[in-house]
């Protein structure tokens, strides 16, 4: 009944023991009477009745029903931009109140494309109180796009959230600090929140707090040093290698006071940490060659820092290790501190393991601008693991890169990656419009997502049609695209 159409309401009413709409629940009774009025009277009277139906539907959260009546209203009196804004914002607001967590997540993701719109920000802040952790994370991630000040406020609000959301808030701040978008004097404002997270949070939150503290420079140094003395080995080891970049001898001395000598892997970590302070690298080379994976990985963790360069050959050898975990750990270390030569990285692009291919490509693209001689063969091969990152690189390759992306749209292996890369490009606009007409729900969602970045007023009729169905939650992205097309800055209230 909640989502029933007018016809269904009439059938149910006819089946009641007492005739007429009087036996319907109050919201449905008002809607029944309002809909009756849309079928008679002058055009102006019918238009007023449709407006009343839309108002009632939005009060109850039936945004798709409201959109259907808007289409009828448009036939009578033309486009109404203010009412469209109300309808679009209502769709997004009610998505965040849905009983389905997946729909609430989609609502948050759609709102992220409207940041820093003030009402979009407020809806996302309200979403932090959602009981579902993944919804909280989606809201935190969206708020993180609003810049340093909003990310700081989000970290404070996230204290009452699930640990996954707390970590997302810390990661958003780290991304801002790492991107060089924050003045050095402003970084210290994150210290209280990061220090509190390190003190009270669970392991994964504390690890994220360490990364942020290391990016704060001098203001975060003392809290980072104190993290070395925590009982949790993963937290202590990460704090030690991050602090070693400031003072390797002090980092090792602090770590030894509480952790040295308990197990072979702890001893291996200690030897690797000592390399940063000038200790012999020979024993660490033996640890890297150990048959015990725990010892190998402890040595790799301890080498995170400038000292890794002294064991570059040994680290490079591990990027070809039979163990996938060892390969990936060695590749992460090599990418940051002991770069592999270009031929070796190119060789990894043909590895049988998708994660290894991706790690190799990431390391290669971080060190240089890749040309079409590398990118084109990878793109045309249809490698699904590499398609998203190759597509992003092709955007920087001029007309030929765009041509390859356009061709990739027609191939199943690269279609989605190509469309995602093209979503901000005007060349792809007709393709996104066409996707809204297909039956595949994922394709429709992809089309709506692309139109968020490129919609114009000419797309309004098609986007309104997209509001009339809840299938695959395409309506929430159509609502965001509609607001983008209308160039909304401060929306009207939809309460």
Protein backbone atom coordinates (compact mmCIF):
# COMPACT_ATOMS: atom_id res chain seq x y z
CA UNK A 1 0.00 0.00 0.00
CA UNK A 2 2.73 2.49 0.87
CA UNK A 3 3.93 2.77 -2.70
CA UNK A 4 0.57 2.05 -4.34
CA UNK A 5 -0.60 4.00 -7.33
CA UNK A 6 -3.94 5.71 -7.64
CA UNK A 7 -5.43 2.73 -9.46
CA UNK A 8 -4.44 0.35 -6.69
CA UNK A 9 -5.88 2.68 -4.07
CA UNK A 10 -9.17 2.70 -5.93
CA UNK A 11 -9.28 -1.09 -6.16
CA UNK A 12 -8.56 -1.47 -2.46
CA UNK A 13 -11.14 1.13 -1.59
CA UNK A 14 -13.73 -0.67 -3.70
CA UNK A 15 -13.07 -3.88 -1.82
CA UNK A 16 -13.67 -2.37 1.64
CA UNK A 17 -16.87 -3.29 3.47
CA UNK A 18 -17.80 0.40 3.50
CA UNK A 19 -17.55 2.07 0.09
CA UNK A 20 -15.41 5.14 -0.70
CA UNK A 21 -12.06 6.33 0.60
CA UNK A 22 -13.26 6.86 4.19
CA UNK A 23 -11.83 3.49 5.27
CA UNK A 24 -8.34 4.31 3.96
CA UNK A 25 -5.58 5.43 6.33
CA UNK A 26 -5.47 9.20 6.74
CA UNK A 27 -2.49 9.92 4.39
CA UNK A 28 -3.99 7.73 1.67
CA UNK A 29 -7.43 9.26 2.18
CA UNK A 30 -6.07 12.75 1.57
CA UNK A 31 -4.11 11.54 -1.43
CA UNK A 32 -7.19 9.79 -2.86
CA UNK A 33 -9.25 12.95 -2.66
CA UNK A 34 -6.48 15.12 -4.08
CA UNK A 35 -5.98 12.74 -7.00
CA UNK A 36 -9.73 12.76 -7.71
CA UNK A 37 -9.52 16.51 -8.17
CA UNK A 38 -6.83 16.16 -10.84
CA UNK A 39 -9.37 14.59 -13.24
CA UNK A 40 -11.91 17.39 -13.42
CA UNK A 41 -12.15 21.15 -13.51
CA UNK A 42 -10.28 23.82 -15.43
CA UNK A 43 -6.57 23.37 -16.28
CA UNK A 44 -5.69 25.78 -13.47
CA UNK A 45 -7.77 23.78 -10.98
CA UNK A 46 -6.30 20.50 -12.13
CA UNK A 47 -2.77 21.98 -11.88
CA UNK A 48 -3.51 23.10 -8.32
CA UNK A 49 -4.73 19.59 -7.51
CA UNK A 50 -1.52 18.07 -8.89
CA UNK A 51 0.50 20.46 -6.74
CA UNK A 52 -1.47 19.28 -3.72
CA UNK A 53 -0.79 15.64 -4.64
CA UNK A 54 2.94 16.37 -4.96
CA UNK A 55 2.90 18.08 -1.56
CA UNK A 56 1.16 15.11 0.07
CA UNK A 57 3.50 12.59 -1.56
CA UNK A 58 6.59 14.47 -0.39
CA UNK A 59 5.18 14.69 3.13
CA UNK A 60 5.00 10.88 3.17
CA UNK A 61 8.31 10.28 1.38
CA UNK A 62 6.77 8.95 -1.83
CA UNK A 63 9.12 10.85 -4.13
CA UNK A 64 8.52 8.62 -7.18
CA UNK A 65 4.75 9.20 -6.93
CA UNK A 66 5.42 12.92 -6.64
CA UNK A 67 7.56 12.81 -9.79
CA UNK A 68 4.77 11.09 -11.72
CA UNK A 69 2.38 13.85 -10.78
CA UNK A 70 4.93 16.48 -11.70
CA UNK A 71 5.00 15.06 -15.23
CA UNK A 72 1.21 15.49 -15.42
CA UNK A 73 1.49 19.01 -13.97
CA UNK A 74 4.10 19.92 -16.56
CA UNK A 75 1.66 19.00 -19.34
CA UNK A 76 -0.84 21.46 -17.88
CA UNK A 77 1.30 24.42 -16.88
CA UNK A 78 4.85 23.90 -18.11
CA UNK A 79 8.13 23.56 -16.22
CA UNK A 80 8.34 24.84 -12.63
CA UNK A 81 12.00 25.13 -11.62
CA UNK A 82 11.30 25.80 -7.94
CA UNK A 83 9.00 22.80 -7.62
CA UNK A 84 11.60 20.69 -9.46
CA UNK A 85 14.21 21.68 -6.89
CA UNK A 86 11.87 20.75 -4.07
CA UNK A 87 11.18 17.40 -5.74
CA UNK A 88 14.88 16.65 -6.31
CA UNK A 89 15.91 17.56 -2.78
CA UNK A 90 12.99 15.58 -1.41
CA UNK A 91 14.16 12.51 -3.35
CA UNK A 92 17.64 12.80 -1.83
CA UNK A 93 16.36 13.51 1.66
CA UNK A 94 14.01 10.52 1.64
CA UNK A 95 16.73 8.27 0.24
CA UNK A 96 18.72 8.94 3.40
CA UNK A 97 15.67 7.99 5.47
CA UNK A 98 14.95 4.75 3.59
CA UNK A 99 14.62 1.48 5.50
CA UNK A 100 17.12 -0.05 3.03
CA UNK A 101 20.76 0.66 3.99
CA UNK A 102 21.90 0.21 0.38
CA UNK A 103 19.56 2.98 -0.72
CA UNK A 104 20.79 5.24 2.08
CA UNK A 105 24.37 4.62 0.92
CA UNK A 106 23.40 5.55 -2.63
CA UNK A 107 21.75 8.69 -1.33
CA UNK A 108 24.96 9.72 0.45
CA UNK A 109 27.01 9.00 -2.66
CA UNK A 110 24.66 11.13 -4.77
CA UNK A 111 24.85 13.98 -2.27
CA UNK A 112 28.65 13.82 -2.38
CA UNK A 113 28.44 15.11 -5.94
CA UNK A 114 26.68 18.26 -4.71
CA UNK A 115 29.27 19.14 -2.05
CA UNK A 116 29.82 21.92 -0.93
CA UNK A 117 26.16 22.85 -1.32
CA UNK A 118 25.11 23.85 2.23
CA UNK A 119 21.97 21.70 2.37
CA UNK A 120 23.82 18.72 0.91
CA UNK A 121 26.37 19.15 3.70
CA UNK A 122 23.65 19.28 6.35
CA UNK A 123 21.95 16.15 5.03
CA UNK A 124 25.30 14.33 5.11
CA UNK A 125 26.00 15.54 8.66
CA UNK A 126 22.62 14.19 9.71
CA UNK A 127 23.58 10.89 8.08
CA UNK A 128 26.42 10.43 10.56
CA UNK A 129 23.77 9.36 13.06
CA UNK A 130 22.68 6.45 10.85
CA UNK A 131 22.88 3.07 12.67
CA UNK A 132 24.50 1.34 9.68
CA UNK A 133 28.35 1.64 9.56
CA UNK A 134 28.54 1.71 5.77
CA UNK A 135 26.10 4.60 5.59
CA UNK A 136 28.22 6.48 8.13
CA UNK A 137 31.34 5.84 6.04
CA UNK A 138 29.61 7.07 2.87
CA UNK A 139 28.58 10.28 4.64
CA UNK A 140 32.04 10.83 6.12
CA UNK A 141 33.70 10.28 2.74
CA UNK A 142 31.32 12.75 1.10
CA UNK A 143 31.91 15.38 3.79
CA UNK A 144 35.66 14.93 3.35
CA UNK A 145 35.32 16.39 -0.14
CA UNK A 146 34.31 19.74 1.35
CA UNK A 147 37.84 20.65 2.45
CA UNK A 148 39.95 20.82 5.60
CA UNK A 149 37.52 22.72 7.82
CA UNK A 150 34.60 20.39 7.18
CA UNK A 151 36.86 17.33 7.48
CA UNK A 152 38.02 18.55 10.91
CA UNK A 153 34.44 19.02 12.09
CA UNK A 154 33.54 15.58 10.73
CA UNK A 155 36.30 13.91 12.75
CA UNK A 156 34.84 15.45 15.89
CA UNK A 157 31.32 14.35 15.01
CA UNK A 158 32.53 10.85 14.11
CA UNK A 159 33.60 10.12 17.71
CA UNK A 160 30.18 8.58 18.30
CA UNK A 161 30.23 6.66 15.01
CA UNK A 162 31.39 3.18 14.07
CA UNK A 163 35.21 2.74 13.99
CA UNK A 164 35.06 2.41 10.20
CA UNK A 165 33.60 5.92 9.99
CA UNK A 166 36.19 7.26 12.41
CA UNK A 167 38.93 5.84 10.23
CA UNK A 168 37.35 7.34 7.12
CA UNK A 169 37.35 10.75 8.82
CA UNK A 170 41.05 10.43 9.67
CA UNK A 171 41.82 9.26 6.12
CA UNK A 172 40.00 12.30 4.69
CA UNK A 173 42.14 14.63 6.79
CA UNK A 174 45.31 12.79 5.76
CA UNK A 175 44.33 13.14 2.09
CA UNK A 176 43.89 16.88 2.53
CA UNK A 177 47.21 17.24 4.37
CA UNK A 178 49.06 15.06 1.86
CA UNK A 179 47.64 16.96 -1.08
CA UNK A 180 49.30 20.20 -0.01
CA UNK A 181 45.96 22.01 0.17
CA UNK A 182 46.35 23.02 3.82
CA UNK A 183 48.50 25.85 5.14
CA UNK A 184 51.19 24.55 7.55
CA UNK A 185 49.88 26.68 10.40
CA UNK A 186 46.42 25.15 9.99
CA UNK A 187 47.62 21.55 10.31
CA UNK A 188 47.93 21.78 14.11
CA UNK A 189 44.15 22.02 14.40
CA UNK A 190 43.94 18.28 13.68
CA UNK A 191 46.21 17.34 16.59
CA UNK A 192 43.56 16.99 19.35
CA UNK A 193 41.34 14.72 17.26
CA UNK A 194 44.22 12.60 15.97
CA UNK A 195 45.76 12.24 19.44
CA UNK A 196 42.39 11.27 20.95
CA UNK A 197 41.88 8.67 18.22
CA UNK A 198 45.31 7.22 18.92
CA UNK A 199 44.56 7.04 22.62
CA UNK A 200 41.05 5.59 22.57
CA UNK A 201 40.33 4.09 19.19
CA UNK A 202 40.51 0.44 18.13
CA UNK A 203 43.56 -0.78 16.19
CA UNK A 204 42.53 0.27 12.68
CA UNK A 205 41.54 3.73 13.91
CA UNK A 206 44.83 4.15 15.74
CA UNK A 207 46.78 3.18 12.63
CA UNK A 208 44.93 5.86 10.64
CA UNK A 209 45.61 8.37 13.42
CA UNK A 210 49.34 7.61 13.18
CA UNK A 211 49.37 8.44 9.47
CA UNK A 212 47.73 11.79 10.16
CA UNK A 213 50.05 12.61 13.07
CA UNK A 214 53.08 11.97 10.86
CA UNK A 215 51.71 14.45 8.29
CA UNK A 216 51.25 17.17 10.92
CA UNK A 217 55.00 17.64 11.30
CA UNK A 218 56.27 19.11 14.57
CA UNK A 219 52.80 19.43 16.20
CA UNK A 220 52.23 15.69 15.87
CA UNK A 221 55.71 14.50 16.86
CA UNK A 222 55.14 13.90 20.57
CA UNK A 223 51.89 11.99 20.12
CA UNK A 224 53.55 9.93 17.37
CA UNK A 225 56.45 9.09 19.68
CA UNK A 226 54.05 8.01 22.42
CA UNK A 227 52.39 5.67 19.94
CA UNK A 228 55.62 3.63 19.81
CA UNK A 229 55.08 2.56 23.41
CA UNK A 230 51.56 1.22 22.88
CA UNK A 231 51.07 -2.46 23.65
CA UNK A 232 49.61 -3.37 20.27
CA UNK A 233 52.49 -4.50 18.07
CA UNK A 234 51.01 -3.34 14.76
CA UNK A 235 50.40 0.15 16.14
CA UNK A 236 53.79 0.33 17.85
CA UNK A 237 55.68 -0.82 14.76
CA UNK A 238 53.93 1.64 12.48
CA UNK A 239 54.55 4.49 14.93
CA UNK A 240 58.22 3.52 15.15
CA UNK A 241 58.87 3.60 11.39
CA UNK A 242 56.97 6.87 10.99
CA UNK A 243 58.84 8.50 13.87
CA UNK A 244 62.16 7.13 12.58
CA UNK A 245 61.90 9.62 9.70
CA UNK A 246 62.39 12.33 12.36
CA UNK A 247 64.78 10.59 14.76
CA UNK A 248 65.72 7.01 13.95
CA UNK A 249 67.80 6.40 17.10
CA UNK A 250 65.09 7.68 19.44
CA UNK A 251 62.47 5.65 17.58
CA UNK A 252 64.45 2.45 18.01
CA UNK A 253 65.25 3.14 21.66
CA UNK A 254 61.57 3.78 22.48
CA UNK A 255 60.46 0.67 20.63
CA UNK A 256 63.08 -1.55 22.31
CA UNK A 257 61.95 -0.54 25.78
CA UNK A 258 58.68 -2.42 25.45
CA UNK A 259 58.82 -4.80 22.48
CA UNK A 260 62.28 -6.23 21.85
CA UNK A 261 63.08 -9.93 22.06
CA UNK A 262 59.67 -11.55 22.42
CA UNK A 263 59.58 -13.44 19.10
CA UNK A 264 61.81 -13.95 16.02
CA UNK A 265 59.68 -11.58 13.97
CA UNK A 266 60.01 -8.82 16.57
CA UNK A 267 63.76 -9.26 16.46
CA UNK A 268 63.64 -9.01 12.66
CA UNK A 269 61.63 -5.79 12.89
CA UNK A 270 64.17 -4.36 15.35
CA UNK A 271 67.08 -5.13 13.03
CA UNK A 272 65.27 -3.49 10.10
CA UNK A 273 64.41 -0.43 12.19
CA UNK A 274 68.07 -0.14 13.12
CA UNK A 275 69.04 0.29 9.45
CA UNK A 276 67.51 3.79 9.55
CA UNK A 277 69.88 4.63 12.41
CA UNK A 278 72.94 3.29 10.56
CA UNK A 279 73.05 -0.30 11.83
CA UNK A 280 74.37 -3.09 9.60
CA UNK A 281 72.08 -4.13 6.76
CA UNK A 282 73.55 -7.64 6.47
CA UNK A 283 71.34 -9.33 9.08
CA UNK A 284 68.28 -7.66 7.56
CA UNK A 285 69.18 -9.09 4.15
CA UNK A 286 69.12 -12.53 5.77
CA UNK A 287 65.71 -11.78 7.27
CA UNK A 288 64.36 -10.77 3.87
CA UNK A 289 65.55 -14.11 2.49
CA UNK A 290 64.03 -16.10 5.38
CA UNK A 291 61.72 -19.03 4.69
CA UNK A 292 59.51 -17.81 7.54
CA UNK A 293 56.93 -15.36 6.08
CA UNK A 294 56.44 -13.69 9.48
CA UNK A 295 60.13 -12.81 9.61
CA UNK A 296 60.16 -11.57 6.00
CA UNK A 297 57.16 -9.34 6.52
CA UNK A 298 58.47 -7.99 9.84
CA UNK A 299 61.67 -6.94 8.08
CA UNK A 300 59.71 -5.29 5.27
CA UNK A 301 57.61 -3.36 7.80
CA UNK A 302 60.70 -2.21 9.66
CA UNK A 303 62.37 -0.98 6.48
CA UNK A 304 59.62 1.52 5.71
CA UNK A 305 61.66 4.68 5.39
CA UNK A 306 64.82 6.05 3.75
CA UNK A 307 66.93 3.16 5.03
CA UNK A 308 65.19 0.82 2.59
CA UNK A 309 67.39 2.14 -0.20
CA UNK A 310 70.40 0.31 1.29
CA UNK A 311 68.63 -3.01 0.59
CA UNK A 312 67.11 -2.11 -2.75
CA UNK A 313 68.35 -5.24 -4.56
CA UNK A 314 66.91 -7.56 -1.89
CA UNK A 315 63.58 -5.73 -1.88
CA UNK A 316 63.44 -5.85 -5.67
CA UNK A 317 64.01 -9.59 -5.61
CA UNK A 318 61.00 -10.04 -3.33
CA UNK A 319 58.72 -8.37 -5.90
CA UNK A 320 59.02 -11.67 -7.81
CA UNK A 321 58.47 -13.89 -4.75
CA UNK A 322 55.98 -16.79 -5.14
CA UNK A 323 54.00 -15.50 -2.15
CA UNK A 324 51.44 -12.93 -3.23
CA UNK A 325 51.48 -11.21 0.18
CA UNK A 326 55.27 -10.90 0.09
CA UNK A 327 55.22 -9.56 -3.48
CA UNK A 328 52.69 -6.90 -2.70
CA UNK A 329 54.42 -5.83 0.52
CA UNK A 330 57.75 -5.55 -1.32
CA UNK A 331 56.13 -3.60 -4.16
CA UNK A 332 54.57 -1.13 -1.71
CA UNK A 333 57.94 -0.60 -0.03
CA UNK A 334 59.79 -0.31 -3.33
CA UNK A 335 57.31 2.17 -4.74
CA UNK A 336 57.88 4.58 -1.88
CA UNK A 337 61.51 4.07 -0.87
CA UNK A 338 63.43 1.88 -3.34
CA UNK A 339 62.02 2.36 -6.85
CA UNK A 340 62.24 -0.54 -9.25
CA UNK A 341 63.82 0.10 -12.66
CA UNK A 342 61.36 0.71 -15.50
CA UNK A 343 61.97 -2.63 -17.28
CA UNK A 344 61.15 -4.53 -14.10
CA UNK A 345 57.90 -2.60 -13.62
CA UNK A 346 56.93 -3.13 -17.24
CA UNK A 347 57.52 -6.84 -16.75
CA UNK A 348 55.07 -6.90 -13.84
CA UNK A 349 52.29 -5.68 -16.14
CA UNK A 350 52.15 -9.18 -17.62
CA UNK A 351 52.02 -11.00 -14.27
CA UNK A 352 49.29 -13.61 -13.85
CA UNK A 353 48.08 -12.09 -10.56
CA UNK A 354 45.75 -9.08 -11.09
CA UNK A 355 46.79 -7.41 -7.82
CA UNK A 356 50.46 -7.65 -8.78
CA UNK A 357 49.75 -6.15 -12.21
CA UNK A 358 47.88 -3.29 -10.57
CA UNK A 359 50.66 -2.68 -8.03
CA UNK A 360 53.22 -2.66 -10.84
CA UNK A 361 51.20 -0.19 -12.89
CA UNK A 362 50.63 2.06 -9.87
CA UNK A 363 54.37 2.17 -9.17
CA UNK A 364 55.16 2.83 -12.83
CA UNK A 365 52.62 5.64 -13.25
CA UNK A 366 53.71 7.28 -9.98
CA UNK A 367 57.27 7.68 -11.21
CA UNK A 368 56.62 9.03 -14.71
CA UNK A 369 54.00 10.14 -17.19
CA UNK A 370 53.18 7.07 -19.25
CA UNK A 371 52.89 7.46 -22.99
CA UNK A 372 50.54 5.87 -25.45
CA UNK A 373 53.19 3.26 -26.28
CA UNK A 374 52.49 1.76 -22.84
CA UNK A 375 48.86 2.72 -22.31
CA UNK A 376 47.34 1.79 -25.66
CA UNK A 377 48.34 -1.91 -25.63
CA UNK A 378 47.13 -2.24 -22.02
CA UNK A 379 43.81 -0.61 -22.90
CA UNK A 380 43.15 -2.65 -26.00
CA UNK A 381 44.08 -5.89 -24.20
CA UNK A 382 40.90 -5.56 -22.13
CA UNK A 383 42.64 -6.18 -18.79
CA UNK A 384 39.80 -5.59 -16.31
CA UNK A 385 42.20 -5.20 -13.37
CA UNK A 386 44.03 -2.32 -15.05
CA UNK A 387 41.17 -0.75 -17.02
CA UNK A 388 40.15 1.88 -14.39
CA UNK A 389 43.69 3.20 -13.81
CA UNK A 390 44.63 3.07 -17.50
CA UNK A 391 41.45 4.99 -18.34
CA UNK A 392 42.41 7.77 -15.94
CA UNK A 393 45.85 8.02 -17.53
CA UNK A 394 44.37 8.16 -21.03
CA UNK A 395 42.55 11.36 -20.09
CA UNK A 396 45.92 13.10 -20.11
CA UNK A 397 46.91 11.85 -23.56
CA UNK A 398 45.10 14.40 -25.68
CA UNK A 399 42.82 13.62 -28.62
CA UNK A 400 44.19 10.11 -29.13
CA UNK A 401 43.56 9.25 -25.48
CA UNK A 402 39.96 10.45 -25.75
CA UNK A 403 39.53 8.49 -28.95
CA UNK A 404 40.70 5.30 -27.22
CA UNK A 405 38.31 5.92 -24.34
CA UNK A 406 35.44 6.45 -26.76
CA UNK A 407 36.26 3.16 -28.46
CA UNK A 408 36.56 1.47 -25.08
CA UNK A 409 32.95 2.36 -24.28
CA UNK A 410 31.86 -0.20 -26.88
CA UNK A 411 33.90 -3.08 -25.39
CA UNK A 412 32.44 -4.96 -22.39
CA UNK A 413 35.83 -5.30 -20.67
CA UNK A 414 36.49 -1.55 -20.68
CA UNK A 415 33.06 0.04 -21.02
CA UNK A 416 32.46 0.95 -17.38
CA UNK A 417 36.02 2.15 -16.82
CA UNK A 418 35.81 4.33 -19.93
CA UNK A 419 32.50 5.87 -18.92
CA UNK A 420 33.69 6.59 -15.40
CA UNK A 421 36.77 8.33 -16.76
CA UNK A 422 34.68 10.32 -19.24
CA UNK A 423 31.96 11.40 -16.81
CA UNK A 424 33.24 14.99 -16.62
CA UNK A 425 33.89 15.23 -20.36
CA UNK A 426 31.29 16.88 -22.61
CA UNK A 427 32.12 14.38 -25.38
CA UNK A 428 30.53 11.58 -23.36
CA UNK A 429 27.29 13.42 -22.57
CA UNK A 430 25.20 11.76 -25.33
CA UNK A 431 26.31 8.32 -24.17
CA UNK A 432 25.22 9.01 -20.60
CA UNK A 433 21.83 10.20 -21.81
CA UNK A 434 21.45 7.03 -23.86
CA UNK A 435 22.28 4.85 -20.85
CA UNK A 436 19.26 6.23 -18.99
CA UNK A 437 17.05 4.56 -21.61
CA UNK A 438 18.42 1.00 -21.28
CA UNK A 439 16.94 -1.71 -19.06
CA UNK A 440 20.14 -2.79 -17.27
CA UNK A 441 19.99 -1.15 -13.81
CA UNK A 442 23.77 -0.80 -13.42
CA UNK A 443 24.03 0.88 -16.82
CA UNK A 444 21.20 3.28 -15.95
CA UNK A 445 22.93 4.15 -12.71
CA UNK A 446 26.18 4.78 -14.57
CA UNK A 447 24.38 7.07 -17.00
CA UNK A 448 22.79 9.06 -14.19
CA UNK A 449 26.13 9.35 -12.41
CA UNK A 450 27.77 10.73 -15.54
CA UNK A 451 25.01 13.31 -16.01
CA UNK A 452 25.63 14.71 -12.52
CA UNK A 453 28.79 16.26 -13.96
CA UNK A 454 27.46 17.33 -17.36
CA UNK A 455 23.69 17.82 -17.19
CA UNK A 456 22.12 20.93 -18.67
CA UNK A 457 18.58 22.25 -18.73
CA UNK A 458 18.03 20.31 -21.94
CA UNK A 459 18.35 17.10 -19.89
CA UNK A 460 15.68 18.09 -17.35
CA UNK A 461 12.74 16.19 -18.94
CA UNK A 462 14.72 12.94 -19.09
CA UNK A 463 16.00 13.37 -15.54
CA UNK A 464 12.48 13.96 -14.22
CA UNK A 465 11.46 10.71 -15.88
CA UNK A 466 14.33 9.10 -13.98
CA UNK A 467 12.77 10.22 -10.68
CA UNK A 468 9.65 8.17 -11.28
CA UNK A 469 11.21 4.77 -10.56
CA UNK A 470 13.11 3.52 -7.54
CA UNK A 471 14.69 0.67 -9.49
CA UNK A 472 18.45 0.41 -8.84
CA UNK A 473 18.21 3.74 -6.97
CA UNK A 474 18.78 5.57 -10.24
CA UNK A 475 16.33 8.21 -9.00
CA UNK A 476 18.76 9.54 -6.37
CA UNK A 477 21.48 10.13 -8.96
CA UNK A 478 18.93 11.66 -11.34
CA UNK A 479 17.95 14.01 -8.51
CA UNK A 480 21.57 15.09 -8.05
CA UNK A 481 21.96 15.54 -11.81
CA UNK A 482 18.74 17.54 -11.90
CA UNK A 483 20.00 19.93 -9.23
CA UNK A 484 23.26 20.23 -11.14
CA UNK A 485 21.36 21.03 -14.35
CA UNK A 486 19.31 23.68 -12.55
CA UNK A 487 22.53 25.13 -11.09
CA UNK A 488 21.04 25.18 -7.62
CA UNK A 489 23.05 26.99 -4.96
CA UNK A 490 20.69 27.21 -1.96
CA UNK A 491 17.70 24.88 -2.25
CA UNK A 492 14.26 25.47 -0.79
CA UNK A 493 13.13 23.60 2.31
CA UNK A 494 11.56 20.22 1.68
CA UNK A 495 10.55 19.51 5.25
